[in-house]
Protein backbone atom coordinates (compact mmCIF):
# COMPACT_ATOMS: atom_id res chain seq x y z
CA MET A 1 105.95 120.20 17.58
CA HIS A 2 107.32 117.03 18.79
CA GLN A 3 105.76 113.63 18.70
CA SER A 4 105.53 113.36 22.64
CA ASP A 5 103.84 116.79 22.77
CA GLU A 6 101.20 115.72 19.94
CA ASN A 7 100.44 112.37 22.00
CA SER A 8 100.01 114.37 25.26
CA ASP A 9 97.73 116.83 23.60
CA ARG A 10 95.47 113.87 22.04
CA LYS A 11 95.43 112.50 25.49
CA ASP A 12 94.25 115.58 26.92
CA GLU A 13 91.52 116.09 24.28
CA ALA A 14 90.36 112.60 24.98
CA ARG A 15 90.18 113.22 28.74
CA ASN A 16 88.31 116.21 28.09
CA GLU A 17 85.75 114.49 25.84
CA ASN A 18 85.16 111.90 28.35
CA GLN A 19 84.79 114.17 31.41
CA PRO A 20 80.99 114.85 30.90
CA LEU A 21 80.31 111.32 30.37
CA LYS A 22 81.87 110.39 33.54
CA SER A 23 79.75 112.97 35.44
CA TYR A 24 76.78 111.81 33.93
CA ALA A 25 77.56 108.06 34.92
CA ARG A 26 78.46 109.12 38.30
CA TYR A 27 75.27 111.33 38.92
CA THR A 28 72.95 108.58 37.48
CA GLY A 29 74.52 106.02 39.67
CA MET A 30 73.85 108.30 42.64
CA ALA A 31 70.21 108.96 41.76
CA PHE A 32 69.71 104.74 41.36
CA GLN A 33 71.58 104.46 44.70
CA MET A 34 69.14 106.92 46.40
CA MET A 35 66.00 105.19 44.88
CA GLY A 36 67.38 101.95 46.01
CA ILE A 37 67.85 102.88 49.62
CA ILE A 38 64.55 104.17 49.71
CA ALA A 39 62.73 101.60 48.08
CA VAL A 40 64.27 99.05 50.48
CA PHE A 41 63.27 101.02 53.65
CA ALA A 42 59.82 101.42 52.22
CA PHE A 43 59.36 97.69 51.25
CA ALA A 44 60.82 96.69 54.76
CA GLY A 45 58.32 99.03 56.31
CA TYR A 46 55.66 97.71 54.53
CA LYS A 47 56.30 94.08 55.34
CA ILE A 48 56.47 95.11 59.04
CA ASP A 49 53.16 96.73 59.05
CA GLU A 50 51.87 93.70 57.07
CA TRP A 51 53.24 91.28 59.62
CA TYR A 52 51.91 93.07 62.51
CA GLY A 53 48.53 93.82 60.85
CA HIS A 54 48.61 97.75 61.32
CA LYS A 55 45.64 99.60 59.93
CA VAL A 56 47.47 102.88 59.75
CA GLN A 57 51.11 102.12 58.01
CA TRP A 58 53.13 104.26 60.47
CA VAL A 59 56.19 101.89 60.34
CA THR A 60 56.18 102.49 56.34
CA ALA A 61 55.92 105.94 56.78
CA LEU A 62 58.60 106.29 59.30
CA ALA A 63 60.83 103.89 57.10
CA CYS A 64 60.48 105.77 54.12
CA VAL A 65 61.68 109.11 55.91
CA LEU A 66 64.46 107.34 57.35
CA GLY A 67 65.33 105.92 53.74
CA VAL A 68 65.20 109.31 52.30
CA CYS A 69 67.71 110.93 55.24
CA LEU A 70 70.11 107.95 54.95
CA SER A 71 70.10 108.32 51.01
CA ILE A 72 70.83 112.25 51.41
CA TYR A 73 73.41 111.58 53.65
CA GLN A 74 75.06 108.94 51.48
CA ILE A 75 74.80 111.74 48.45
CA ILE A 76 76.28 114.41 50.46
CA ARG A 77 79.13 111.93 51.59
CA GLN A 78 79.89 111.15 48.05
CA LEU A 79 79.76 114.51 46.53
CA LYS A 80 82.74 115.51 49.15
CA GLU A 81 84.82 112.90 47.73
């Protein structure tokens, strides 16, 4: 076996070992992004309800649903890449 063949085999092995770590980091990042989007929308809805003095927090509920929909859209878009 030639020196260049050995080097390329080592690089392929290193790439294969890092692949699960890259996937883990990617999907963990997506989960945190999803939580962040939902949290921002929930907080904004809560503050709007607080500002207007609503007894029933409909804006918070709608903002949470909108945040979930937006975060799912983001995840689907990122998974297609």
